[in-house]
Protein backbone atom coordinates (compact mmCIF):
# COMPACT_ATOMS: atom_id res chain seq x y z
CA UNK A 1 47.25 90.01 76.84
CA UNK A 2 50.34 92.14 77.31
CA UNK A 3 48.16 94.96 78.61
CA UNK A 4 47.60 92.87 81.74
CA UNK A 5 51.21 93.42 82.82
CA UNK A 6 51.29 95.61 85.91
CA UNK A 7 54.05 97.83 84.52
CA UNK A 8 52.81 98.22 80.93
CA UNK A 9 50.07 100.26 79.30
CA UNK A 10 48.98 99.45 75.73
CA UNK A 11 46.02 101.70 74.82
CA UNK A 12 43.94 101.37 71.68
CA UNK A 13 45.99 103.11 68.97
CA UNK A 14 44.74 106.32 67.30
CA UNK A 15 47.53 105.97 64.67
CA UNK A 16 49.05 109.41 65.23
CA UNK A 17 52.00 108.98 62.88
CA UNK A 18 49.91 107.57 60.05
CA UNK A 19 47.29 110.30 60.20
CA UNK A 20 49.37 113.42 60.87
CA UNK A 21 52.58 113.02 58.89
CA UNK A 22 50.77 113.37 55.52
CA UNK A 23 49.05 116.62 56.60
CA UNK A 24 51.99 118.53 58.12
CA UNK A 25 52.01 121.13 55.36
CA UNK A 26 48.74 122.65 56.55
CA UNK A 27 50.39 123.68 59.83
CA UNK A 28 53.20 125.68 58.24
CA UNK A 29 56.73 125.78 59.64
CA UNK A 30 56.84 124.00 62.98
CA UNK A 31 59.92 126.03 63.92
CA UNK A 32 57.39 128.78 64.63
CA UNK A 33 55.92 128.16 68.08
CA UNK A 34 52.37 129.27 67.14
CA UNK A 35 52.23 126.64 64.40
CA UNK A 36 53.59 124.01 66.76
CA UNK A 37 50.91 124.91 69.30
CA UNK A 38 48.24 124.22 66.70
CA UNK A 39 49.71 120.82 65.90
CA UNK A 40 49.93 119.92 69.60
CA UNK A 41 46.30 120.81 70.19
CA UNK A 42 45.19 119.05 67.01
CA UNK A 43 46.86 115.77 68.00
CA UNK A 44 45.77 115.98 71.65
CA UNK A 45 42.17 116.56 70.66
CA UNK A 46 42.37 113.68 68.20
CA UNK A 47 43.56 111.26 70.90
CA UNK A 48 40.98 112.57 73.39
CA UNK A 49 38.23 111.57 70.94
CA UNK A 50 39.73 108.13 70.26
CA UNK A 51 37.20 105.47 69.36
CA UNK A 52 38.15 103.54 72.52
CA UNK A 53 38.75 106.17 75.22
CA UNK A 54 42.09 106.37 77.00
CA UNK A 55 41.54 106.07 80.75
CA UNK A 56 43.77 106.63 83.75
CA UNK A 57 44.10 104.14 86.60
CA UNK A 58 40.94 105.57 88.20
CA UNK A 59 38.94 104.97 84.99
CA UNK A 60 38.76 108.69 84.20
CA UNK A 61 39.25 109.96 80.66
CA UNK A 62 42.78 111.22 80.17
CA UNK A 63 42.96 114.92 79.25
CA UNK A 64 46.21 116.35 77.97
CA UNK A 65 47.42 119.71 79.23
CA UNK A 66 48.62 121.30 76.00
CA UNK A 67 51.23 123.55 77.56
CA UNK A 68 52.90 120.61 79.28
CA UNK A 69 52.90 118.54 76.08
CA UNK A 70 54.29 121.53 74.16
CA UNK A 71 57.06 122.09 76.71
CA UNK A 72 58.08 118.43 76.60
CA UNK A 73 58.12 118.46 72.80
CA UNK A 74 60.32 121.56 72.57
CA UNK A 75 62.77 120.18 75.16
CA UNK A 76 62.86 116.79 73.41
CA UNK A 77 63.53 118.22 69.95
CA UNK A 78 66.22 120.60 71.25
CA UNK A 79 67.95 117.77 73.12
CA UNK A 80 67.72 115.43 70.12
CA UNK A 81 69.17 118.01 67.75
CA UNK A 82 71.93 118.87 70.19
CA UNK A 83 72.95 115.25 70.67
CA UNK A 84 72.90 114.51 66.91
CA UNK A 85 74.95 117.60 66.13
CA UNK A 86 77.57 116.58 68.68
CA UNK A 87 77.46 112.90 67.69
CA UNK A 88 77.79 113.48 63.95
CA UNK A 89 79.81 116.71 63.96
CA UNK A 90 77.40 118.50 61.63
CA UNK A 91 76.28 122.11 61.25
CA UNK A 92 73.09 123.65 62.59
CA UNK A 93 71.61 123.68 59.08
CA UNK A 94 72.44 120.00 58.60
CA UNK A 95 70.91 118.99 61.94
CA UNK A 96 67.69 120.84 61.04
CA UNK A 97 67.53 118.79 57.86
CA UNK A 98 68.20 115.56 59.78
CA UNK A 99 65.71 116.22 62.60
CA UNK A 100 63.03 117.86 60.48
CA UNK A 101 59.32 118.62 60.93
CA UNK A 102 58.33 114.93 61.03
CA UNK A 103 60.12 114.58 64.36
CA UNK A 104 57.75 117.06 65.97
CA UNK A 105 54.90 114.61 65.34
CA UNK A 106 57.00 111.82 66.84
CA UNK A 107 57.87 113.97 69.87
CA UNK A 108 54.18 114.75 70.44
CA UNK A 109 53.35 111.07 70.08
CA UNK A 110 56.07 110.26 72.65
CA UNK A 111 54.84 112.89 75.13
CA UNK A 112 51.25 111.63 74.84
CA UNK A 113 52.25 107.99 75.32
CA UNK A 114 54.39 108.94 78.32
CA UNK A 115 51.45 110.79 79.84
CA UNK A 116 49.24 107.74 79.34
CA UNK A 117 51.79 105.53 81.12
CA UNK A 118 52.20 108.01 83.95
CA UNK A 119 48.42 108.31 84.40
CA UNK A 120 48.21 104.54 84.82
CA UNK A 121 51.20 104.15 87.14
CA UNK A 122 53.20 102.25 84.52
CA UNK A 123 56.86 102.54 83.59
CA UNK A 124 56.45 101.28 80.00
CA UNK A 125 54.05 101.78 77.12
CA UNK A 126 53.37 99.90 73.91
CA UNK A 127 51.98 101.34 70.69
CA UNK A 128 49.77 98.80 68.90
CA UNK A 129 49.57 100.72 65.63
CA UNK A 130 50.39 98.18 62.91
CA UNK A 131 52.20 100.60 60.63
CA UNK A 132 54.91 101.83 63.00
CA UNK A 133 57.52 99.62 61.32
CA UNK A 134 57.54 101.93 58.29
CA UNK A 135 58.99 104.66 60.53
CA UNK A 136 61.86 102.48 61.70
CA UNK A 137 64.62 104.94 60.76
CA UNK A 138 62.90 107.81 62.56
CA UNK A 139 62.16 105.72 65.63
CA UNK A 140 65.74 104.47 65.81
CA UNK A 141 67.06 108.03 65.51
CA UNK A 142 64.66 109.20 68.22
CA UNK A 143 64.83 106.37 70.77
CA UNK A 144 68.13 104.66 69.99
CA UNK A 145 68.80 100.93 70.21
CA UNK A 146 68.69 101.05 74.01
CA UNK A 147 64.98 101.94 74.13
CA UNK A 148 63.40 100.86 70.84
CA UNK A 149 61.77 97.42 70.55
CA UNK A 150 59.35 95.86 68.06
CA UNK A 151 56.98 92.93 68.42
CA UNK A 152 56.36 91.57 64.93
CA UNK A 153 53.03 89.71 64.80
CA UNK A 154 52.81 87.51 61.70
CA UNK A 155 49.51 86.12 60.44
CA UNK A 156 48.33 84.40 57.27
CA UNK A 157 47.39 87.21 54.82
CA UNK A 158 44.23 85.38 53.76
CA UNK A 159 42.92 85.36 57.34
CA UNK A 160 44.02 88.99 57.79
CA UNK A 161 42.10 89.94 54.65
CA UNK A 162 39.01 88.05 55.78
CA UNK A 163 39.10 89.97 59.05
CA UNK A 164 39.31 93.37 57.33
CA UNK A 165 36.52 92.47 54.93
CA UNK A 166 34.23 92.16 57.97
CA UNK A 167 35.46 95.19 59.94
CA UNK A 168 34.77 98.93 59.40
CA UNK A 169 38.47 99.81 59.52
CA UNK A 170 40.36 100.93 56.43
CA UNK A 171 40.19 99.10 53.12
CA UNK A 172 37.80 96.19 52.52
CA UNK A 173 38.70 94.82 49.10
CA UNK A 174 41.07 91.82 49.22
CA UNK A 175 43.53 93.34 46.73
CA UNK A 176 44.08 96.53 48.72
CA UNK A 177 44.25 94.70 52.05
CA UNK A 178 46.74 92.18 50.68
CA UNK A 179 48.98 94.87 49.16
CA UNK A 180 49.03 96.75 52.47
CA UNK A 181 49.83 93.52 54.32
CA UNK A 182 52.70 92.77 51.92
CA UNK A 183 54.14 96.27 52.41
CA UNK A 184 54.10 95.91 56.19
CA UNK A 185 55.83 92.53 56.00
CA UNK A 186 58.62 94.04 53.95
CA UNK A 187 59.14 96.70 56.60
CA UNK A 188 59.16 94.09 59.38
CA UNK A 189 61.53 91.80 57.52
CA UNK A 190 63.89 94.72 56.86
CA UNK A 191 64.13 95.47 60.59
CA UNK A 192 64.66 91.78 61.25
CA UNK A 193 67.56 91.84 58.81
CA UNK A 194 69.12 95.11 60.01
CA UNK A 195 68.67 94.81 63.77
CA UNK A 196 67.40 91.37 64.84
CA UNK A 197 68.06 92.18 68.51
CA UNK A 198 65.36 94.87 68.40
CA UNK A 199 62.52 92.71 67.11
CA UNK A 200 60.66 89.65 68.39
CA UNK A 201 58.60 87.53 65.99
CA UNK A 202 55.27 86.13 67.09
CA UNK A 203 53.14 83.96 64.85
CA UNK A 204 49.41 84.35 65.33
CA UNK A 205 48.93 80.63 64.79
CA UNK A 206 51.39 79.86 67.59
CA UNK A 207 49.50 82.17 69.95
CA UNK A 208 46.30 80.27 69.19
CA UNK A 209 47.92 76.92 69.98
CA UNK A 210 50.07 78.00 72.97
CA UNK A 211 49.27 81.50 74.17
CA UNK A 212 50.92 80.99 77.58
CA UNK A 213 54.19 79.93 75.99
CA UNK A 214 54.12 82.82 73.50
CA UNK A 215 53.33 85.37 76.21
CA UNK A 216 56.26 84.03 78.25
CA UNK A 217 58.60 84.53 75.28
CA UNK A 218 57.36 88.09 74.75
CA UNK A 219 57.78 88.91 78.44
CA UNK A 220 61.32 87.55 78.33
CA UNK A 221 62.05 89.75 75.31
CA UNK A 222 60.59 92.82 77.03
CA UNK A 223 62.54 92.28 80.24
CA UNK A 224 61.78 91.99 83.93
CA UNK A 225 58.50 93.39 85.17
CA UNK A 226 58.63 96.31 87.56
CA UNK A 227 55.85 97.62 89.74
CA UNK A 228 56.68 101.32 89.49
CA UNK A 229 53.87 103.05 91.47
CA UNK A 230 51.05 100.81 90.31
CA UNK A 231 50.30 99.24 93.70
CA UNK A 232 51.39 102.15 95.85
CA UNK A 233 48.55 101.66 98.37
CA UNK A 234 49.71 98.25 99.52
CA UNK A 235 52.51 95.72 99.50
CA UNK A 236 53.16 93.53 96.48
CA UNK A 237 52.48 89.96 97.51
CA UNK A 238 52.86 88.18 94.17
CA UNK A 239 52.94 89.00 90.47
CA UNK A 240 50.61 87.19 88.10
CA UNK A 241 52.48 84.54 86.13
CA UNK A 242 52.37 84.15 82.33
CA UNK A 243 49.39 81.78 82.46
CA UNK A 244 47.41 84.14 84.67
CA UNK A 245 48.24 87.08 82.40
CA UNK A 246 47.01 85.11 79.39
CA UNK A 247 43.82 83.82 80.99
CA UNK A 248 42.71 87.10 82.54
CA UNK A 249 43.27 89.12 79.36
CA UNK A 250 39.74 88.57 78.01
CA UNK A 251 38.32 90.06 81.22
CA UNK A 252 40.93 92.83 81.46
CA UNK A 253 40.03 96.49 81.53
CA UNK A 254 41.09 97.24 77.95
CA UNK A 255 39.26 94.24 76.46
CA UNK A 256 36.14 94.77 78.57
CA UNK A 257 35.98 98.42 77.59
CA UNK A 258 36.57 97.85 73.87
CA UNK A 259 34.20 94.93 73.30
CA UNK A 260 31.27 96.96 74.64
CA UNK A 261 31.89 99.70 72.08
CA UNK A 262 32.19 97.92 68.75
CA UNK A 263 31.65 94.67 66.87
CA UNK A 264 35.28 95.09 65.80
CA UNK A 265 36.43 94.10 69.30
CA UNK A 266 33.90 91.40 70.20
CA UNK A 267 36.50 88.65 69.84
CA UNK A 268 38.56 90.13 72.69
CA UNK A 269 36.27 88.55 75.24
CA UNK A 270 36.10 85.09 73.74
CA UNK A 271 37.98 82.07 75.03
CA UNK A 272 39.87 78.99 73.91
CA UNK A 273 36.92 77.43 72.07
CA UNK A 274 36.79 80.49 69.83
CA UNK A 275 40.56 80.51 69.30
CA UNK A 276 40.47 76.93 68.09
CA UNK A 277 38.32 78.02 65.13
CA UNK A 278 40.71 80.73 63.95
CA UNK A 279 43.14 78.45 62.07
CA UNK A 280 42.86 78.97 58.29
CA UNK A 281 39.36 80.45 58.49
CA UNK A 282 39.69 81.66 54.93
CA UNK A 283 39.18 78.10 53.62
CA UNK A 284 35.63 78.12 54.96
CA UNK A 285 34.65 81.77 54.65
CA UNK A 286 36.39 83.23 51.55
CA UNK A 287 35.46 82.45 47.99
CA UNK A 288 38.02 81.14 45.53
CA UNK A 289 38.46 84.40 43.62
CA UNK A 290 39.18 86.43 46.76
CA UNK A 291 41.75 83.86 47.92
CA UNK A 292 43.34 83.99 44.49
CA UNK A 293 43.52 87.80 44.61
CA UNK A 294 45.28 87.75 47.99
CA UNK A 295 47.73 85.04 46.94
CA UNK A 296 48.54 86.86 43.70
CA UNK A 297 49.03 90.25 45.37
CA UNK A 298 51.21 88.98 48.24
CA UNK A 299 52.75 85.81 46.83
CA UNK A 300 56.44 86.57 47.48
CA UNK A 301 55.89 87.86 51.01
CA UNK A 302 53.58 85.07 52.14
CA UNK A 303 55.79 82.28 50.78
CA UNK A 304 58.83 83.93 52.37
CA UNK A 305 57.01 83.73 55.69
CA UNK A 306 56.04 80.10 55.21
CA UNK A 307 52.43 80.42 54.00
CA UNK A 308 51.88 78.21 50.97
CA UNK A 309 49.36 79.31 48.31
CA UNK A 310 46.18 77.29 48.14
CA UNK A 311 45.17 78.13 44.57
CA UNK A 312 47.83 80.20 42.78
CA UNK A 313 50.30 77.99 40.99
CA UNK A 314 48.16 74.93 41.71
CA UNK A 315 44.55 75.19 40.57
CA UNK A 316 44.73 78.74 39.17
CA UNK A 317 47.28 81.04 37.55
CA UNK A 318 48.54 84.16 39.27
CA UNK A 319 46.46 87.24 38.41
CA UNK A 320 48.04 89.90 36.20
CA UNK A 321 47.02 93.16 37.89
CA UNK A 322 46.58 95.66 35.04
CA UNK A 323 45.87 99.35 35.63
CA UNK A 324 42.28 98.82 34.53
CA UNK A 325 41.83 95.93 36.98
CA UNK A 326 43.36 97.88 39.85
CA UNK A 327 41.04 100.80 39.09
CA UNK A 328 38.11 98.40 39.18
CA UNK A 329 39.26 97.11 42.58
CA UNK A 330 39.54 100.69 43.86
CA UNK A 331 35.95 101.42 42.88
CA UNK A 332 34.73 98.18 44.45
CA UNK A 333 36.66 99.04 47.59
CA UNK A 334 34.86 102.38 47.89
CA UNK A 335 31.51 100.64 47.49
CA UNK A 336 32.41 98.03 50.12
CA UNK A 337 33.50 100.70 52.60
CA UNK A 338 30.30 102.66 51.99
CA UNK A 339 28.16 99.57 52.57
CA UNK A 340 30.13 98.74 55.71
CA UNK A 341 29.31 102.11 57.23
CA UNK A 342 25.67 102.00 56.14
CA UNK A 343 25.37 98.65 57.90
CA UNK A 344 27.15 100.05 60.95
CA UNK A 345 24.71 102.97 61.08
CA UNK A 346 21.84 100.49 61.42
CA UNK A 347 23.54 97.98 63.73
CA UNK A 348 25.50 100.26 66.06
CA UNK A 349 24.95 104.00 65.50
CA UNK A 350 26.91 104.86 68.65
CA UNK A 351 29.98 103.12 67.24
CA UNK A 352 29.60 105.00 63.96
CA UNK A 353 29.28 108.30 65.83
CA UNK A 354 32.52 107.69 67.75
CA UNK A 355 34.37 106.92 64.51
CA UNK A 356 32.96 109.98 62.74
CA UNK A 357 33.71 112.26 65.69
CA UNK A 358 37.32 111.11 65.72
CA UNK A 359 37.67 111.48 61.94
CA UNK A 360 36.15 114.99 62.07
CA UNK A 361 39.10 116.25 64.13
CA UNK A 362 41.40 115.60 61.16
CA UNK A 363 39.22 117.83 58.96
CA UNK A 364 39.19 120.88 61.24
CA UNK A 365 41.04 123.92 60.00
CA UNK A 366 43.76 126.08 61.56
CA UNK A 367 41.28 128.70 62.83
CA UNK A 368 39.52 126.17 65.04
CA UNK A 369 42.73 125.06 66.70
CA UNK A 370 44.10 128.59 67.10
CA UNK A 371 40.96 129.45 69.10
CA UNK A 372 41.12 126.17 71.00
CA UNK A 373 44.70 126.68 72.14
CA UNK A 374 43.99 130.28 73.13
CA UNK A 375 41.23 129.04 75.41
CA UNK A 376 43.46 126.55 77.22
CA UNK A 377 44.23 129.01 80.03
CA UNK A 378 40.52 129.24 80.86
CA UNK A 379 40.51 125.74 82.40
CA UNK A 380 44.13 125.27 83.39
CA UNK A 381 43.48 125.33 87.17
CA UNK A 382 40.60 122.88 86.81
CA UNK A 383 42.93 120.38 85.16
CA UNK A 384 45.65 120.43 87.81
CA UNK A 385 43.88 117.82 89.92
CA UNK A 386 43.56 115.42 86.97
CA UNK A 387 47.17 115.84 85.93
CA UNK A 388 48.87 115.07 89.22
CA UNK A 389 49.43 111.72 90.91
CA UNK A 390 50.94 112.93 94.16
CA UNK A 391 48.73 113.28 97.25
CA UNK A 392 50.70 116.21 98.65
CA UNK A 393 50.47 118.07 95.35
CA UNK A 394 46.73 117.38 95.18
CA UNK A 395 46.27 118.81 98.67
CA UNK A 396 48.26 121.93 97.78
CA UNK A 397 46.11 122.64 94.72
CA UNK A 398 42.76 121.59 96.18
CA UNK A 399 40.33 124.53 96.21
CA UNK A 400 37.34 123.80 98.42
CA UNK A 401 35.42 126.72 96.88
CA UNK A 402 35.18 124.82 93.59
CA UNK A 403 33.57 121.73 95.11
CA UNK A 404 29.83 121.12 95.03
CA UNK A 405 29.57 118.97 98.17
CA UNK A 406 25.89 118.32 97.51
CA UNK A 407 26.98 115.95 94.76
CA UNK A 408 29.43 114.03 96.97
CA UNK A 409 28.56 110.79 98.77
CA UNK A 410 27.73 111.14 102.46
CA UNK A 411 30.87 111.19 104.68
CA UNK A 412 33.17 111.17 101.65
CA UNK A 413 36.67 112.56 102.16
CA UNK A 414 37.91 115.46 100.06
CA UNK A 415 40.04 113.37 97.69
CA UNK A 416 39.65 109.68 96.96
CA UNK A 417 39.17 107.54 93.88
CA UNK A 418 37.92 104.05 93.15
CA UNK A 419 38.13 102.34 89.80
CA UNK A 420 35.03 100.59 88.45
CA UNK A 421 36.54 97.24 89.31
CA UNK A 422 37.23 98.38 92.87
CA UNK A 423 33.65 99.58 93.23
CA UNK A 424 32.37 96.23 91.97
CA UNK A 425 34.54 94.39 94.50
CA UNK A 426 33.30 96.49 97.43
CA UNK A 427 29.61 96.93 96.67
CA UNK A 428 26.84 94.37 96.25
CA UNK A 429 23.11 94.81 95.64
CA UNK A 430 20.72 93.22 98.10
CA UNK A 431 17.05 92.54 97.47
CA UNK A 432 14.53 94.28 99.72
């Protein structure tokens, strides 16, 4: 719903921090520019193969110019280290320890998100990756309290677990899902304790019962909406209100694009009648043992957040998770994941291919990316047109020799773009 704001872009998250921080060692010292180049290309290529493609405001796939991302990262890290050294009065060695290699991943993430916002004419972006709260200290160091904000979405862990048991994303066994949920709640609650002004709580159940009211509260927390350059071709007559933002979300570009690609996102296009059935679904669709596992694994966190156990402490005792039992759950989890992907291969092979293609980027070695970055100069001029959003700059770089006019519509001008929605509004099919 928030993605319908005119000034905000919230693309489907590729989980950059989660995927790349654990593998930094394979890139060597990022103080060496050649190693940093490899990391930049690796992350850019990973986002470019995202399961749900990132599009610009003309519905074109966003391509990242590596040299520009690299330049922004180097400038950002130098500025951050300089400001921290001055602020804390520490030595060069100490500042290198404070702003270490992990911050290069964060700086690349920031540059990529900024490019996404710029490509869509937005002044703000939102990362929807659920695990960002675990990087709170890094994010606060990087963005400061003036820029950093969190939206903390809280949902019953039993319904969360039920959802993951049906979706080919991450773990499937209720124990592992519940433990991960509990960990994330502890991170969120820690931020709420340390810096309550930076975080806004939203309960999933409240969104289901009053989505307009909850969207209004989130918009108030985020601040006044600004048009930036989004509607640069015409005057702004009126901004959609909170109710309009809520109601048009299921037909929005992000939802429409995602729900065509995977079963995982089918619910994005469903309406109020569907939402009414989402309250405590676990009571109808989870068996007693699975509910008991979730309640036992996340008992403290769920009761702290106001979710009362249904079985544990009432009809059943809390499970004692021994090493042997946890090992059994791990093996069952692997089997459940395997079955999930076998089913996906039969039901939606295109969805499976997109997931595997994205995952394959993480497995590529240094040699592949060294060659890839070396080849960047071969298509640099061809990417200038995609990277700019200024008509004068486009005209300056436009090379008529590169255009195959035979492929252009009759009487088309040199430069002009229509989104898919704009095409649909302007063109209709008539029967002969």
